[in-house]
C-alpha atoms as a PDB file:
ATOM      1  CA  MET A   1       0.000   0.000   0.000  1.00  0.00           C
ATOM      2  CA  THR A   2       1.125   3.458  -0.654  1.00  0.00           C
ATOM      3  CA  THR A   3       1.451   6.041   2.068  1.00  0.00           C
ATOM      4  CA  PHE A   4      -1.547   7.914   0.709  1.00  0.00           C
ATOM      5  CA  ALA A   5      -3.738   4.801   0.833  1.00  0.00           C
ATOM      6  CA  MET A   6      -2.596   3.940   4.359  1.00  0.00           C
ATOM      7  CA  ASN A   7      -3.320   7.458   5.594  1.00  0.00           C
ATOM      8  CA  LEU A   8      -6.706   7.462   3.882  1.00  0.00           C
ATOM      9  CA  TYR A   9      -7.585   4.090   5.411  1.00  0.00           C
ATOM     10  CA  ARG A  10      -6.463   5.232   8.871  1.00  0.00           C
ATOM     11  CA  ASP A  11      -8.473   8.449   8.610  1.00  0.00           C
ATOM     12  CA  ALA A  12     -11.558   6.562   7.449  1.00  0.00           C
ATOM     13  CA  VAL A  13     -11.309   4.127  10.364  1.00  0.00           C
ATOM     14  CA  CYS A  14     -10.869   6.982  12.854  1.00  0.00           C
ATOM     15  CA  ALA A  15     -13.823   8.857  11.364  1.00  0.00           C
ATOM     16  CA  ALA A  16     -16.020   5.757  11.546  1.00  0.00           C
ATOM     17  CA  ALA A  17     -15.005   5.132  15.169  1.00  0.00           C
ATOM     18  CA  ALA A  18     -15.680   8.756  16.098  1.00  0.00           C
ATOM     19  CA  ALA A  19     -19.084   8.608  14.433  1.00  0.00           C
ATOM     20  CA  ALA A  20     -19.945   5.366  16.242  1.00  0.00           C
ATOM     21  CA  ILE A  21     -18.899   6.794  19.622  1.00  0.00           C
ATOM     22  CA  THR A  22     -20.898   9.965  18.994  1.00  0.00           C
ATOM     23  CA  LEU A  23     -23.942   7.945  17.980  1.00  0.00           C
ATOM     24  CA  VAL A  24     -23.773   5.752  21.090  1.00  0.00           C
ATOM     25  CA  LEU A  25     -23.370   8.741  23.411  1.00  0.00           C
ATOM     26  CA  SER A  26     -26.183  10.635  21.682  1.00  0.00           C
ATOM     27  CA  LEU A  27     -28.577   7.705  21.919  1.00  0.00           C
ATOM     28  CA  SER A  28     -27.638   7.179  25.562  1.00  0.00           C
ATOM     29  CA  PHE A  29     -28.364  10.835  26.320  1.00  0.00           C
ATOM     30  CA  LEU A  30     -31.676  10.736  24.475  1.00  0.00           C
ATOM     31  CA  GLU A  31     -32.739   7.584  26.297  1.00  0.00           C
ATOM     32  CA  SER A  32     -31.832   8.983  29.702  1.00  0.00           C
ATOM     33  CA  THR A  33     -33.740  12.222  29.096  1.00  0.00           C
ATOM     34  CA  ALA A  34     -36.773  10.694  27.392  1.00  0.00           C
ATOM     35  CA  VAL A  35     -38.864  10.658  30.581  1.00  0.00           C
ATOM     36  CA  PRO A  36     -39.260  13.459  33.119  1.00  0.00           C
ATOM     37  CA  TYR A  37     -36.984  13.511  36.149  1.00  0.00           C
ATOM     38  CA  GLY A  38     -38.266  11.219  38.875  1.00  0.00           C
ATOM     39  CA  ALA A  39     -40.610   9.225  36.651  1.00  0.00           C
ATOM     40  CA  HIS A  40     -38.801   5.992  37.538  1.00  0.00           C
ATOM     41  CA  ALA A  41     -38.723   6.797  41.263  1.00  0.00           C
ATOM     42  CA  PRO A  42     -41.092   4.872  43.525  1.00  0.00           C
ATOM     43  CA  ALA A  43     -44.063   6.792  44.873  1.00  0.00           C
ATOM     44  CA  ALA A  44     -43.673   8.349  48.300  1.00  0.00           C
ATOM     45  CA  ARG A  45     -45.611   6.480  50.959  1.00  0.00           C
ATOM     46  CA  PHE A  46     -45.490   9.203  53.604  1.00  0.00           C
ATOM     47  CA  VAL A  47     -44.580  12.832  54.001  1.00  0.00           C
ATOM     48  CA  ALA A  48     -42.304  13.785  56.880  1.00  0.00           C
ATOM     49  CA  LEU A  49     -42.955  17.133  58.491  1.00  0.00           C
ATOM     50  CA  GLN A  50     -40.115  19.130  59.976  1.00  0.00           C
ATOM     51  CA  ALA A  51     -40.683  20.556  63.428  1.00  0.00           C
ATOM     52  CA  ASP A  52     -40.592  24.335  63.659  1.00  0.00           C
ATOM     53  CA  HIS A  53     -37.995  25.987  65.867  1.00  0.00           C
ATOM     54  CA  ALA A  54     -38.487  29.164  67.850  1.00  0.00           C
ATOM     55  CA  PHE A  55     -35.580  31.057  66.293  1.00  0.00           C
ATOM     56  CA  PHE A  56     -37.178  33.998  64.439  1.00  0.00           C
ATOM     57  CA  GLY A  57     -39.405  31.734  62.389  1.00  0.00           C
ATOM     58  CA  GLN A  58     -36.497  29.907  60.784  1.00  0.00           C
ATOM     59  CA  PRO A  59     -37.091  26.246  59.909  1.00  0.00           C
ATOM     60  CA  GLU A  60     -33.772  25.343  61.580  1.00  0.00           C
ATOM     61  CA  PRO A  61     -31.489  27.218  63.937  1.00  0.00           C
ATOM     62  CA  ALA A  62     -28.620  29.039  62.271  1.00  0.00           C
ATOM     63  CA  VAL A  63     -25.227  27.342  62.507  1.00  0.00           C
ATOM     64  CA  LEU A  64     -21.977  29.236  62.203  1.00  0.00           C
ATOM     65  CA  VAL A  65     -19.275  27.341  60.345  1.00  0.00           C
ATOM     66  CA  ASP A  66     -15.643  28.339  60.119  1.00  0.00           C
END
């Protein structure tokens, strides 16, 4: 094979591999975003309520962190 033919063959193989990888990633993305977020999650059986604190109506007391 000539150098031109080898380079052409190598470029064609790389282009085909890049196209295949792009196709697989695109289909994976489309499949993962086909349903709304949380559609596969099980239904909640109960709702937990958070107790109110007496600190200026805040849902939790403020915590200072260094």
